[in-house]
Amino acid sequence: MCIPVRRDKYNCTFFVDYAEEKRQVLEEETKMMLTKAKQAARMQMEIEKINTNRFTTAIPPKASRLQLSKMTRRQLIELSEKISKRINEENAELMRLLVEKDSLYMQQDSMLVDIEDMIQ
């Protein structure tokens, strides 16, 4: 559908294909949104890098063989239970994060498909 939308300085009417103009506007907006999304993703990655440092500080210091040999059987059992509990907690957190990562990848893929459909 062609409609008159502009007049030049000589008052001549230009006929512009409305759908083509709308497509160009949407394409420009999409490119701008993709750029902003990339910047937001980079910032989120930086925040996550900062947050991962808290895990390294939460790790208790290693016990030497001498220290372990001086512990009672009960203390060794408690230490073993603490370590097992910590491993289970970390595994659960890892699984949660992996599921979240997969979900985010699926969302990203669907958004990219939607963007491609809008551009075409």
PDB file of N, CA and C in Angstrom:
ATOM      1  N   MET A   1       0.847  -1.170   0.000  1.00  0.00           N
ATOM      2  CA  MET A   1       0.000   0.000   0.000  1.00  0.00           C
ATOM      3  C   MET A   1       0.894   1.235   0.000  1.00  0.00           C
ATOM      4  N   CYS A   2       0.703   2.111  -0.956  1.00  0.00           N
ATOM      5  CA  CYS A   2       1.476   3.350  -1.029  1.00  0.00           C
ATOM      6  C   CYS A   2       0.586   4.500  -0.593  1.00  0.00           C
ATOM      7  N   ILE A   3       1.140   5.305   0.276  1.00  0.00           N
ATOM      8  CA  ILE A   3       0.384   6.458   0.752  1.00  0.00           C
ATOM      9  C   ILE A   3       1.283   7.678   0.707  1.00  0.00           C
ATOM     10  N   PRO A   4       0.706   8.855   0.449  1.00  0.00           N
ATOM     11  CA  PRO A   4       1.532  10.061   0.471  1.00  0.00           C
ATOM     12  C   PRO A   4       1.871  10.410   1.916  1.00  0.00           C
ATOM     13  N   VAL A   5       3.145  10.496   2.197  1.00  0.00           N
ATOM     14  CA  VAL A   5       3.530  10.789   3.573  1.00  0.00           C
ATOM     15  C   VAL A   5       4.457  11.981   3.693  1.00  0.00           C
ATOM     16  N   ARG A   6       5.054  12.409   2.614  1.00  0.00           N
ATOM     17  CA  ARG A   6       5.992  13.530   2.717  1.00  0.00           C
ATOM     18  C   ARG A   6       5.780  14.527   1.580  1.00  0.00           C
ATOM     19  N   ARG A   7       6.157  15.720   1.889  1.00  0.00           N
ATOM     20  CA  ARG A   7       6.202  16.756   0.855  1.00  0.00           C
ATOM     21  C   ARG A   7       7.572  17.403   0.930  1.00  0.00           C
ATOM     22  N   ASP A   8       8.145  17.678  -0.220  1.00  0.00           N
ATOM     23  CA  ASP A   8       9.450  18.335  -0.209  1.00  0.00           C
ATOM     24  C   ASP A   8       9.250  19.845  -0.177  1.00  0.00           C
ATOM     25  N   LYS A   9      10.351  20.583  -0.309  1.00  0.00           N
ATOM     26  CA  LYS A   9      10.260  22.044  -0.193  1.00  0.00           C
ATOM     27  C   LYS A   9       9.488  22.685  -1.337  1.00  0.00           C
ATOM     28  N   TYR A  10       9.276  21.936  -2.425  1.00  0.00           N
ATOM     29  CA  TYR A  10       8.507  22.462  -3.551  1.00  0.00           C
ATOM     30  C   TYR A  10       7.047  22.022  -3.490  1.00  0.00           C
ATOM     31  N   ASN A  11       6.664  21.438  -2.321  1.00  0.00           N
ATOM     32  CA  ASN A  11       5.302  20.984  -2.078  1.00  0.00           C
ATOM     33  C   ASN A  11       4.900  19.823  -2.980  1.00  0.00           C
ATOM     34  N   CYS A  12       5.900  19.028  -3.393  1.00  0.00           N
ATOM     35  CA  CYS A  12       5.614  17.830  -4.182  1.00  0.00           C
ATOM     36  C   CYS A  12       5.412  16.657  -3.225  1.00  0.00           C
ATOM     37  N   THR A  13       4.413  15.854  -3.491  1.00  0.00           N
ATOM     38  CA  THR A  13       4.098  14.721  -2.630  1.00  0.00           C
ATOM     39  C   THR A  13       4.925  13.508  -3.038  1.00  0.00           C
ATOM     40  N   PHE A  14       5.509  12.851  -2.033  1.00  0.00           N
ATOM     41  CA  PHE A  14       6.249  11.610  -2.268  1.00  0.00           C
ATOM     42  C   PHE A  14       5.393  10.452  -1.793  1.00  0.00           C
ATOM     43  N   PHE A  15       5.342   9.419  -2.593  1.00  0.00           N
ATOM     44  CA  PHE A  15       4.620   8.216  -2.196  1.00  0.00           C
ATOM     45  C   PHE A  15       5.634   7.211  -1.674  1.00  0.00           C
ATOM     46  N   VAL A  16       5.401   6.790  -0.471  1.00  0.00           N
ATOM     47  CA  VAL A  16       6.330   5.874   0.177  1.00  0.00           C
ATOM     48  C   VAL A  16       5.577   4.593   0.533  1.00  0.00           C
ATOM     49  N   ASP A  17       6.225   3.502   0.308  1.00  0.00           N
ATOM     50  CA  ASP A  17       5.632   2.227   0.682  1.00  0.00           C
ATOM     51  C   ASP A  17       5.656   2.141   2.206  1.00  0.00           C
ATOM     52  N   TYR A  18       4.485   2.176   2.809  1.00  0.00           N
ATOM     53  CA  TYR A  18       4.362   2.221   4.265  1.00  0.00           C
ATOM     54  C   TYR A  18       4.969   0.983   4.917  1.00  0.00           C
ATOM     55  N   ALA A  19       4.734  -0.162   4.352  1.00  0.00           N
ATOM     56  CA  ALA A  19       5.253  -1.403   4.940  1.00  0.00           C
ATOM     57  C   ALA A  19       6.778  -1.407   4.932  1.00  0.00           C
ATOM     58  N   GLU A  20       7.372  -0.936   3.860  1.00  0.00           N
ATOM     59  CA  GLU A  20       8.842  -0.896   3.769  1.00  0.00           C
ATOM     60  C   GLU A  20       9.414   0.076   4.793  1.00  0.00           C
ATOM     61  N   GLU A  21       8.781   1.215   4.940  1.00  0.00           N
ATOM     62  CA  GLU A  21       9.250   2.192   5.918  1.00  0.00           C
ATOM     63  C   GLU A  21       9.120   1.642   7.342  1.00  0.00           C
ATOM     64  N   LYS A  22       8.021   0.979   7.616  1.00  0.00           N
ATOM     65  CA  LYS A  22       7.805   0.393   8.936  1.00  0.00           C
ATOM     66  C   LYS A  22       8.843  -0.698   9.206  1.00  0.00           C
ATOM     67  N   ARG A  23       9.157  -1.499   8.185  1.00  0.00           N
ATOM     68  CA  ARG A  23      10.156  -2.551   8.321  1.00  0.00           C
ATOM     69  C   ARG A  23      11.519  -1.963   8.645  1.00  0.00           C
ATOM     70  N   GLN A  24      11.871  -0.871   7.978  1.00  0.00           N
ATOM     71  CA  GLN A  24      13.158  -0.228   8.235  1.00  0.00           C
ATOM     72  C   GLN A  24      13.226   0.299   9.669  1.00  0.00           C
ATOM     73  N   VAL A  25      12.154   0.899  10.129  1.00  0.00           N
ATOM     74  CA  VAL A  25      12.119   1.411  11.500  1.00  0.00           C
ATOM     75  C   VAL A  25      12.274   0.263  12.497  1.00  0.00           C
ATOM     76  N   LEU A  26      11.543  -0.814  12.266  1.00  0.00           N
ATOM     77  CA  LEU A  26      11.640  -1.975  13.160  1.00  0.00           C
ATOM     78  C   LEU A  26      13.036  -2.591  13.131  1.00  0.00           C
ATOM     79  N   GLU A  27      13.634  -2.627  11.954  1.00  0.00           N
ATOM     80  CA  GLU A  27      14.985  -3.185  11.836  1.00  0.00           C
ATOM     81  C   GLU A  27      15.988  -2.341  12.617  1.00  0.00           C
ATOM     82  N   GLU A  28      15.883  -1.021  12.517  1.00  0.00           N
ATOM     83  CA  GLU A  28      16.777  -0.137  13.269  1.00  0.00           C
ATOM     84  C   GLU A  28      16.575  -0.303  14.775  1.00  0.00           C
ATOM     85  N   GLU A  29      15.323  -0.384  15.198  1.00  0.00           N
ATOM     86  CA  GLU A  29      15.041  -0.576  16.623  1.00  0.00           C
ATOM     87  C   GLU A  29      15.582  -1.913  17.111  1.00  0.00           C
ATOM     88  N   THR A  30      15.452  -2.939  16.283  1.00  0.00           N
ATOM     89  CA  THR A  30      15.944  -4.270  16.651  1.00  0.00           C
ATOM     90  C   THR A  30      17.454  -4.262  16.803  1.00  0.00           C
ATOM     91  N   LYS A  31      18.144  -3.629  15.870  1.00  0.00           N
ATOM     92  CA  LYS A  31      19.608  -3.549  15.959  1.00  0.00           C
ATOM     93  C   LYS A  31      20.029  -2.809  17.225  1.00  0.00           C
ATOM     94  N   MET A  32      19.315  -1.738  17.549  1.00  0.00           N
ATOM     95  CA  MET A  32      19.629  -0.980  18.750  1.00  0.00           C
ATOM     96  C   MET A  32      19.390  -1.833  20.000  1.00  0.00           C
ATOM     97  N   MET A  33      18.291  -2.576  20.013  1.00  0.00           N
ATOM     98  CA  MET A  33      17.986  -3.439  21.162  1.00  0.00           C
ATOM     99  C   MET A  33      19.019  -4.556  21.298  1.00  0.00           C
ATOM    100  N   LEU A  34      19.484  -5.107  20.175  1.00  0.00           N
ATOM    101  CA  LEU A  34      20.517  -6.145  20.232  1.00  0.00           C
ATOM    102  C   LEU A  34      21.806  -5.593  20.822  1.00  0.00           C
ATOM    103  N   THR A  35      22.163  -4.390  20.440  1.00  0.00           N
ATOM    104  CA  THR A  35      23.364  -3.759  20.980  1.00  0.00           C
ATOM    105  C   THR A  35      23.228  -3.568  22.485  1.00  0.00           C
ATOM    106  N   LYS A  36      22.070  -3.084  22.911  1.00  0.00           N
ATOM    107  CA  LYS A  36      21.845  -2.898  24.344  1.00  0.00           C
ATOM    108  C   LYS A  36      21.853  -4.231  25.084  1.00  0.00           C
ATOM    109  N   ALA A  37      21.296  -5.265  24.458  1.00  0.00           N
ATOM    110  CA  ALA A  37      21.265  -6.588  25.097  1.00  0.00           C
ATOM    111  C   ALA A  37      22.676  -7.141  25.266  1.00  0.00           C
ATOM    112  N   LYS A  38      23.529  -6.926  24.265  1.00  0.00           N
ATOM    113  CA  LYS A  38      24.917  -7.379  24.380  1.00  0.00           C
ATOM    114  C   LYS A  38      25.625  -6.669  25.531  1.00  0.00           C
ATOM    115  N   GLN A  39      25.405  -5.365  25.634  1.00  0.00           N
ATOM    116  CA  GLN A  39      26.027  -4.610  26.723  1.00  0.00           C
ATOM    117  C   GLN A  39      25.513  -5.094  28.077  1.00  0.00           C
ATOM    118  N   ALA A  40      24.222  -5.336  28.177  1.00  0.00           N
ATOM    119  CA  ALA A  40      23.646  -5.817  29.437  1.00  0.00           C
ATOM    120  C   ALA A  40      24.195  -7.198  29.790  1.00  0.00           C
ATOM    121  N   ALA A  41      24.372  -8.047  28.786  1.00  0.00           N
ATOM    122  CA  ALA A  41      24.914  -9.386  29.037  1.00  0.00           C
ATOM    123  C   ALA A  41      26.352  -9.298  29.530  1.00  0.00           C
ATOM    124  N   ARG A  42      27.132  -8.405  28.935  1.00  0.00           N
ATOM    125  CA  ARG A  42      28.520  -8.230  29.392  1.00  0.00           C
ATOM    126  C   ARG A  42      28.559  -7.748  30.839  1.00  0.00           C
ATOM    127  N   MET A  43      27.700  -6.793  31.160  1.00  0.00           N
ATOM    128  CA  MET A  43      27.659  -6.284  32.528  1.00  0.00           C
ATOM    129  C   MET A  43      27.243  -7.386  33.498  1.00  0.00           C
ATOM    130  N   GLN A  44      26.265  -8.207  33.102  1.00  0.00           N
ATOM    131  CA  GLN A  44      25.818  -9.304  33.958  1.00  0.00           C
ATOM    132  C   GLN A  44      26.944 -10.308  34.173  1.00  0.00           C
ATOM    133  N   MET A  45      27.731 -10.578  33.137  1.00  0.00           N
ATOM    134  CA  MET A  45      28.858 -11.502  33.279  1.00  0.00           C
ATOM    135  C   MET A  45      29.891 -10.951  34.248  1.00  0.00           C
ATOM    136  N   GLU A  46      30.136  -9.646  34.192  1.00  0.00           N
ATOM    137  CA  GLU A  46      31.085  -9.036  35.121  1.00  0.00           C
ATOM    138  C   GLU A  46      30.583  -9.160  36.562  1.00  0.00           C
ATOM    139  N   ILE A  47      29.298  -8.942  36.756  1.00  0.00           N
ATOM    140  CA  ILE A  47      28.720  -9.077  38.098  1.00  0.00           C
ATOM    141  C   ILE A  47      28.854 -10.512  38.586  1.00  0.00           C
ATOM    142  N   GLU A  48      28.599 -11.464  37.706  1.00  0.00           N
ATOM    143  CA  GLU A  48      28.714 -12.872  38.095  1.00  0.00           C
ATOM    144  C   GLU A  48      30.152 -13.243  38.421  1.00  0.00           C
ATOM    145  N   LYS A  49      31.114 -12.671  37.690  1.00  0.00           N
ATOM    146  CA  LYS A  49      32.521 -12.931  38.000  1.00  0.00           C
ATOM    147  C   LYS A  49      32.858 -12.434  39.402  1.00  0.00           C
ATOM    148  N   ILE A  50      32.339 -11.267  39.739  1.00  0.00           N
ATOM    149  CA  ILE A  50      32.584 -10.714  41.074  1.00  0.00           C
ATOM    150  C   ILE A  50      31.944 -11.606  42.132  1.00  0.00           C
ATOM    151  N   ASN A  51      30.733 -12.082  41.862  1.00  0.00           N
ATOM    152  CA  ASN A  51      30.032 -12.936  42.829  1.00  0.00           C
ATOM    153  C   ASN A  51      30.693 -14.295  42.995  1.00  0.00           C
ATOM    154  N   THR A  52      31.382 -14.798  41.983  1.00  0.00           N
ATOM    155  CA  THR A  52      32.018 -16.113  42.108  1.00  0.00           C
ATOM    156  C   THR A  52      33.206 -16.054  43.051  1.00  0.00           C
ATOM    157  N   ASN A  53      33.771 -14.892  43.271  1.00  0.00           N
ATOM    158  CA  ASN A  53      34.897 -14.778  44.195  1.00  0.00           C
ATOM    159  C   ASN A  53      34.487 -15.113  45.622  1.00  0.00           C
ATOM    160  N   ARG A  54      33.219 -14.968  45.956  1.00  0.00           N
ATOM    161  CA  ARG A  54      32.772 -15.275  47.312  1.00  0.00           C
ATOM    162  C   ARG A  54      32.884 -16.763  47.599  1.00  0.00           C
ATOM    163  N   PHE A  55      32.815 -17.607  46.575  1.00  0.00           N
ATOM    164  CA  PHE A  55      32.946 -19.043  46.786  1.00  0.00           C
ATOM    165  C   PHE A  55      34.374 -19.421  47.141  1.00  0.00           C
ATOM    166  N   THR A  56      35.338 -18.750  46.551  1.00  0.00           N
ATOM    167  CA  THR A  56      36.730 -19.098  46.835  1.00  0.00           C
ATOM    168  C   THR A  56      37.109 -18.723  48.258  1.00  0.00           C
ATOM    169  N   THR A  57      36.506 -17.671  48.804  1.00  0.00           N
ATOM    170  CA  THR A  57      36.826 -17.285  50.179  1.00  0.00           C
ATOM    171  C   THR A  57      36.099 -18.160  51.195  1.00  0.00           C
ATOM    172  N   ALA A  58      35.037 -18.851  50.773  1.00  0.00           N
ATOM    173  CA  ALA A  58      34.268 -19.687  51.697  1.00  0.00           C
ATOM    174  C   ALA A  58      34.909 -21.059  51.907  1.00  0.00           C
ATOM    175  N   ILE A  59      35.916 -21.383  51.120  1.00  0.00           N
ATOM    176  CA  ILE A  59      36.561 -22.688  51.253  1.00  0.00           C
ATOM    177  C   ILE A  59      37.473 -22.670  52.473  1.00  0.00           C
ATOM    178  N   PRO A  60      37.286 -23.625  53.391  1.00  0.00           N
ATOM    179  CA  PRO A  60      38.140 -23.647  54.590  1.00  0.00           C
ATOM    180  C   PRO A  60      39.566 -24.063  54.226  1.00  0.00           C
ATOM    181  N   PRO A  61      40.524 -23.693  55.058  1.00  0.00           N
ATOM    182  CA  PRO A  61      41.912 -24.058  54.763  1.00  0.00           C
ATOM    183  C   PRO A  61      42.099 -25.569  54.844  1.00  0.00           C
ATOM    184  N   LYS A  62      43.076 -26.056  54.104  1.00  0.00           N
ATOM    185  CA  LYS A  62      43.349 -27.491  54.106  1.00  0.00           C
ATOM    186  C   LYS A  62      43.974 -27.898  55.432  1.00  0.00           C
ATOM    187  N   ALA A  63      43.635 -29.100  55.868  1.00  0.00           N
ATOM    188  CA  ALA A  63      44.223 -29.650  57.089  1.00  0.00           C
ATOM    189  C   ALA A  63      45.401 -30.534  56.686  1.00  0.00           C
ATOM    190  N   SER A  64      46.468 -30.404  57.421  1.00  0.00           N
ATOM    191  CA  SER A  64      47.645 -31.227  57.117  1.00  0.00           C
ATOM    192  C   SER A  64      47.459 -32.631  57.674  1.00  0.00           C
ATOM    193  N   ARG A  65      48.290 -33.531  57.217  1.00  0.00           N
ATOM    194  CA  ARG A  65      48.242 -34.908  57.705  1.00  0.00           C
ATOM    195  C   ARG A  65      48.475 -34.956  59.214  1.00  0.00           C
ATOM    196  N   LEU A  66      49.376 -34.109  59.703  1.00  0.00           N
ATOM    197  CA  LEU A  66      49.677 -34.074  61.137  1.00  0.00           C
ATOM    198  C   LEU A  66      48.443 -33.632  61.933  1.00  0.00           C
ATOM    199  N   GLN A  67      47.766 -32.583  61.440  1.00  0.00           N
ATOM    200  CA  GLN A  67      46.560 -32.108  62.124  1.00  0.00           C
ATOM    201  C   GLN A  67      45.480 -33.190  62.138  1.00  0.00           C
ATOM    202  N   LEU A  68      45.324 -33.876  61.023  1.00  0.00           N
ATOM    203  CA  LEU A  68      44.316 -34.934  60.952  1.00  0.00           C
ATOM    204  C   LEU A  68      44.654 -36.098  61.884  1.00  0.00           C
ATOM    205  N   SER A  69      45.935 -36.406  61.982  1.00  0.00           N
ATOM    206  CA  SER A  69      46.326 -37.532  62.846  1.00  0.00           C
ATOM    207  C   SER A  69      46.111 -37.211  64.327  1.00  0.00           C
ATOM    208  N   LYS A  70      46.103 -35.934  64.685  1.00  0.00           N
ATOM    209  CA  LYS A  70      45.886 -35.541  66.080  1.00  0.00           C
ATOM    210  C   LYS A  70      44.401 -35.488  66.442  1.00  0.00           C
ATOM    211  N   MET A  71      43.513 -35.562  65.455  1.00  0.00           N
ATOM    212  CA  MET A  71      42.073 -35.492  65.719  1.00  0.00           C
ATOM    213  C   MET A  71      41.568 -36.841  66.223  1.00  0.00           C
ATOM    214  N   THR A  72      40.498 -36.745  66.995  1.00  0.00           N
ATOM    215  CA  THR A  72      39.865 -37.979  67.469  1.00  0.00           C
ATOM    216  C   THR A  72      39.014 -38.569  66.346  1.00  0.00           C
ATOM    217  N   ARG A  73      38.613 -39.798  66.546  1.00  0.00           N
ATOM    218  CA  ARG A  73      37.777 -40.471  65.553  1.00  0.00           C
ATOM    219  C   ARG A  73      36.475 -39.696  65.351  1.00  0.00           C
ATOM    220  N   ARG A  74      35.887 -39.234  66.425  1.00  0.00           N
ATOM    221  CA  ARG A  74      34.628 -38.477  66.353  1.00  0.00           C
ATOM    222  C   ARG A  74      34.819 -37.182  65.558  1.00  0.00           C
ATOM    223  N   GLN A  75      35.925 -36.480  65.778  1.00  0.00           N
ATOM    224  CA  GLN A  75      36.205 -35.242  65.040  1.00  0.00           C
ATOM    225  C   GLN A  75      36.373 -35.537  63.550  1.00  0.00           C
ATOM    226  N   LEU A  76      37.037 -36.643  63.231  1.00  0.00           N
ATOM    227  CA  LEU A  76      37.224 -37.015  61.828  1.00  0.00           C
ATOM    228  C   LEU A  76      35.887 -37.349  61.162  1.00  0.00           C
ATOM    229  N   ILE A  77      35.016 -38.026  61.903  1.00  0.00           N
ATOM    230  CA  ILE A  77      33.688 -38.344  61.365  1.00  0.00           C
ATOM    231  C   ILE A  77      32.902 -37.060  61.123  1.00  0.00           C
ATOM    232  N   GLU A  78      32.954 -36.121  62.067  1.00  0.00           N
ATOM    233  CA  GLU A  78      32.261 -34.835  61.908  1.00  0.00           C
ATOM    234  C   GLU A  78      32.813 -34.066  60.714  1.00  0.00           C
ATOM    235  N   LEU A  79      34.134 -34.081  60.580  1.00  0.00           N
ATOM    236  CA  LEU A  79      34.767 -33.396  59.449  1.00  0.00           C
ATOM    237  C   LEU A  79      34.318 -34.027  58.134  1.00  0.00           C
ATOM    238  N   SER A  80      34.285 -35.343  58.104  1.00  0.00           N
ATOM    239  CA  SER A  80      33.839 -36.056  56.906  1.00  0.00           C
ATOM    240  C   SER A  80      32.385 -35.716  56.576  1.00  0.00           C
ATOM    241  N   GLU A  81      31.541 -35.654  57.593  1.00  0.00           N
ATOM    242  CA  GLU A  81      30.133 -35.307  57.383  1.00  0.00           C
ATOM    243  C   GLU A  81      29.985 -33.878  56.871  1.00  0.00           C
ATOM    244  N   LYS A  82      30.773 -32.958  57.427  1.00  0.00           N
ATOM    245  CA  LYS A  82      30.737 -31.561  56.965  1.00  0.00           C
ATOM    246  C   LYS A  82      31.143 -31.472  55.498  1.00  0.00           C
ATOM    247  N   ILE A  83      32.202 -32.211  55.160  1.00  0.00           N
ATOM    248  CA  ILE A  83      32.678 -32.183  53.774  1.00  0.00           C
ATOM    249  C   ILE A  83      31.627 -32.777  52.840  1.00  0.00           C
ATOM    250  N   SER A  84      31.028 -33.892  53.237  1.00  0.00           N
ATOM    251  CA  SER A  84      29.981 -34.518  52.412  1.00  0.00           C
ATOM    252  C   SER A  84      28.784 -33.587  52.245  1.00  0.00           C
ATOM    253  N   LYS A  85      28.395 -32.932  53.334  1.00  0.00           N
ATOM    254  CA  LYS A  85      27.274 -31.996  53.273  1.00  0.00           C
ATOM    255  C   LYS A  85      27.597 -30.842  52.324  1.00  0.00           C
ATOM    256  N   ARG A  86      28.802 -30.323  52.434  1.00  0.00           N
ATOM    257  CA  ARG A  86      29.230 -29.214  51.567  1.00  0.00           C
ATOM    258  C   ARG A  86      29.241 -29.641  50.106  1.00  0.00           C
ATOM    259  N   ILE A  87      29.720 -30.859  49.845  1.00  0.00           N
ATOM    260  CA  ILE A  87      29.738 -31.367  48.470  1.00  0.00           C
ATOM    261  C   ILE A  87      28.315 -31.469  47.926  1.00  0.00           C
ATOM    262  N   ASN A  88      27.408 -32.002  48.724  1.00  0.00           N
ATOM    263  CA  ASN A  88      26.009 -32.121  48.291  1.00  0.00           C
ATOM    264  C   ASN A  88      25.386 -30.753  48.026  1.00  0.00           C
ATOM    265  N   GLU A  89      25.667 -29.773  48.890  1.00  0.00           N
ATOM    266  CA  GLU A  89      25.140 -28.416  48.693  1.00  0.00           C
ATOM    267  C   GLU A  89      25.694 -27.801  47.413  1.00  0.00           C
ATOM    268  N   GLU A  90      26.996 -27.964  47.200  1.00  0.00           N
ATOM    269  CA  GLU A  90      27.615 -27.406  45.992  1.00  0.00           C
ATOM    270  C   GLU A  90      27.074 -28.087  44.736  1.00  0.00           C
ATOM    271  N   ASN A  91      26.864 -29.408  44.798  1.00  0.00           N
ATOM    272  CA  ASN A  91      26.294 -30.122  43.653  1.00  0.00           C
ATOM    273  C   ASN A  91      24.878 -29.647  43.354  1.00  0.00           C
ATOM    274  N   ALA A  92      24.091 -29.442  44.408  1.00  0.00           N
ATOM    275  CA  ALA A  92      22.725 -28.944  44.216  1.00  0.00           C
ATOM    276  C   ALA A  92      22.749 -27.549  43.590  1.00  0.00           C
ATOM    277  N   GLU A  93      23.650 -26.701  44.066  1.00  0.00           N
ATOM    278  CA  GLU A  93      23.779 -25.351  43.499  1.00  0.00           C
ATOM    279  C   GLU A  93      24.225 -25.424  42.042  1.00  0.00           C
ATOM    280  N   LEU A  94      25.159 -26.305  41.756  1.00  0.00           N
ATOM    281  CA  LEU A  94      25.633 -26.478  40.381  1.00  0.00           C
ATOM    282  C   LEU A  94      24.496 -26.927  39.469  1.00  0.00           C
ATOM    283  N   MET A  95      23.716 -27.875  39.911  1.00  0.00           N
ATOM    284  CA  MET A  95      22.585 -28.351  39.107  1.00  0.00           C
ATOM    285  C   MET A  95      21.573 -27.232  38.882  1.00  0.00           C
ATOM    286  N   ARG A  96      21.297 -26.452  39.922  1.00  0.00           N
ATOM    287  CA  ARG A  96      20.362 -25.331  39.779  1.00  0.00           C
ATOM    288  C   ARG A  96      20.877 -24.332  38.748  1.00  0.00           C
ATOM    289  N   LEU A  97      22.179 -24.035  38.830  1.00  0.00           N
ATOM    290  CA  LEU A  97      22.765 -23.077  37.896  1.00  0.00           C
ATOM    291  C   LEU A  97      22.784 -23.617  36.468  1.00  0.00           C
ATOM    292  N   LEU A  98      23.027 -24.910  36.309  1.00  0.00           N
ATOM    293  CA  LEU A  98      23.015 -25.505  34.971  1.00  0.00           C
ATOM    294  C   LEU A  98      21.617 -25.474  34.358  1.00  0.00           C
ATOM    295  N   VAL A  99      20.608 -25.753  35.161  1.00  0.00           N
ATOM    296  CA  VAL A  99      19.228 -25.683  34.671  1.00  0.00           C
ATOM    297  C   VAL A  99      18.883 -24.248  34.288  1.00  0.00           C
ATOM    298  N   GLU A 100      19.305 -23.295  35.114  1.00  0.00           N
ATOM    299  CA  GLU A 100      19.064 -21.877  34.816  1.00  0.00           C
ATOM    300  C   GLU A 100      19.787 -21.469  33.536  1.00  0.00           C
ATOM    301  N   LYS A 101      21.018 -21.934  33.367  1.00  0.00           N
ATOM    302  CA  LYS A 101      21.793 -21.631  32.160  1.00  0.00           C
ATOM    303  C   LYS A 101      21.084 -22.169  30.922  1.00  0.00           C
ATOM    304  N   ASP A 102      20.612 -23.422  30.980  1.00  0.00           N
ATOM    305  CA  ASP A 102      19.889 -24.000  29.852  1.00  0.00           C
ATOM    306  C   ASP A 102      18.631 -23.204  29.541  1.00  0.00           C
ATOM    307  N   SER A 103      17.925 -22.793  30.578  1.00  0.00           N
ATOM    308  CA  SER A 103      16.715 -22.002  30.388  1.00  0.00           C
ATOM    309  C   SER A 103      17.032 -20.669  29.715  1.00  0.00           C
ATOM    310  N   LEU A 104      18.116 -20.033  30.153  1.00  0.00           N
ATOM    311  CA  LEU A 104      18.505 -18.749  29.561  1.00  0.00           C
ATOM    312  C   LEU A 104      18.927 -18.914  28.105  1.00  0.00           C
ATOM    313  N   TYR A 105      19.636 -20.007  27.794  1.00  0.00           N
ATOM    314  CA  TYR A 105      20.008 -20.264  26.402  1.00  0.00           C
ATOM    315  C   TYR A 105      18.763 -20.470  25.541  1.00  0.00           C
ATOM    316  N   MET A 106      17.780 -21.175  26.063  1.00  0.00           N
ATOM    317  CA  MET A 106      16.547 -21.391  25.307  1.00  0.00           C
ATOM    318  C   MET A 106      15.812 -20.072  25.092  1.00  0.00           C
ATOM    319  N   GLN A 107      15.772 -19.219  26.113  1.00  0.00           N
ATOM    320  CA  GLN A 107      15.143 -17.903  25.963  1.00  0.00           C
ATOM    321  C   GLN A 107      15.881 -17.073  24.922  1.00  0.00           C
ATOM    322  N   GLN A 108      17.217 -17.131  24.975  1.00  0.00           N
ATOM    323  CA  GLN A 108      18.015 -16.365  24.023  1.00  0.00           C
ATOM    324  C   GLN A 108      17.748 -16.844  22.599  1.00  0.00           C
ATOM    325  N   ASP A 109      17.714 -18.151  22.394  1.00  0.00           N
ATOM    326  CA  ASP A 109      17.443 -18.693  21.064  1.00  0.00           C
ATOM    327  C   ASP A 109      16.076 -18.269  20.558  1.00  0.00           C
ATOM    328  N   SER A 110      15.069 -18.318  21.413  1.00  0.00           N
ATOM    329  CA  SER A 110      13.728 -17.923  20.976  1.00  0.00           C
ATOM    330  C   SER A 110      13.678 -16.432  20.652  1.00  0.00           C
ATOM    331  N   MET A 111      14.398 -15.618  21.429  1.00  0.00           N
ATOM    332  CA  MET A 111      14.444 -14.180  21.135  1.00  0.00           C
ATOM    333  C   MET A 111      15.131 -13.922  19.804  1.00  0.00           C
ATOM    334  N   LEU A 112      16.222 -14.636  19.538  1.00  0.00           N
ATOM    335  CA  LEU A 112      16.925 -14.450  18.272  1.00  0.00           C
ATOM    336  C   LEU A 112      16.049 -14.864  17.095  1.00  0.00           C
ATOM    337  N   VAL A 113      15.288 -15.938  17.241  1.00  0.00           N
ATOM    338  CA  VAL A 113      14.369 -16.362  16.182  1.00  0.00           C
ATOM    339  C   VAL A 113      13.296 -15.301  15.979  1.00  0.00           C
ATOM    340  N   ASP A 114      12.749 -14.765  17.069  1.00  0.00           N
ATOM    341  CA  ASP A 114      11.742 -13.709  16.966  1.00  0.00           C
ATOM    342  C   ASP A 114      12.306 -12.481  16.266  1.00  0.00           C
ATOM    343  N   ILE A 115      13.545 -12.130  16.588  1.00  0.00           N
ATOM    344  CA  ILE A 115      14.178 -10.963  15.966  1.00  0.00           C
ATOM    345  C   ILE A 115      14.374 -11.199  14.479  1.00  0.00           C
ATOM    346  N   GLU A 116      14.839 -12.393  14.117  1.00  0.00           N
ATOM    347  CA  GLU A 116      15.015 -12.706  12.695  1.00  0.00           C
ATOM    348  C   GLU A 116      13.687 -12.632  11.960  1.00  0.00           C
ATOM    349  N   ASP A 117      12.625 -13.138  12.583  1.00  0.00           N
ATOM    350  CA  ASP A 117      11.304 -13.082  11.960  1.00  0.00           C
ATOM    351  C   ASP A 117      10.847 -11.644  11.773  1.00  0.00           C
ATOM    352  N   MET A 118      11.151 -10.778  12.737  1.00  0.00           N
ATOM    353  CA  MET A 118      10.750  -9.371  12.630  1.00  0.00           C
ATOM    354  C   MET A 118      11.506  -8.672  11.508  1.00  0.00           C
ATOM    355  N   ILE A 119      12.776  -9.018  11.360  1.00  0.00           N
ATOM    356  CA  ILE A 119      13.599  -8.359  10.345  1.00  0.00           C
ATOM    357  C   ILE A 119      13.161  -8.764   8.945  1.00  0.00           C
ATOM    358  N   GLN A 120      12.772 -10.019   8.776  1.00  0.00           N
ATOM    359  CA  GLN A 120      12.408 -10.502   7.432  1.00  0.00           C
ATOM    360  C   GLN A 120      11.016 -10.154   7.048  1.00  0.00           C
TER     361      GLN A 120
END
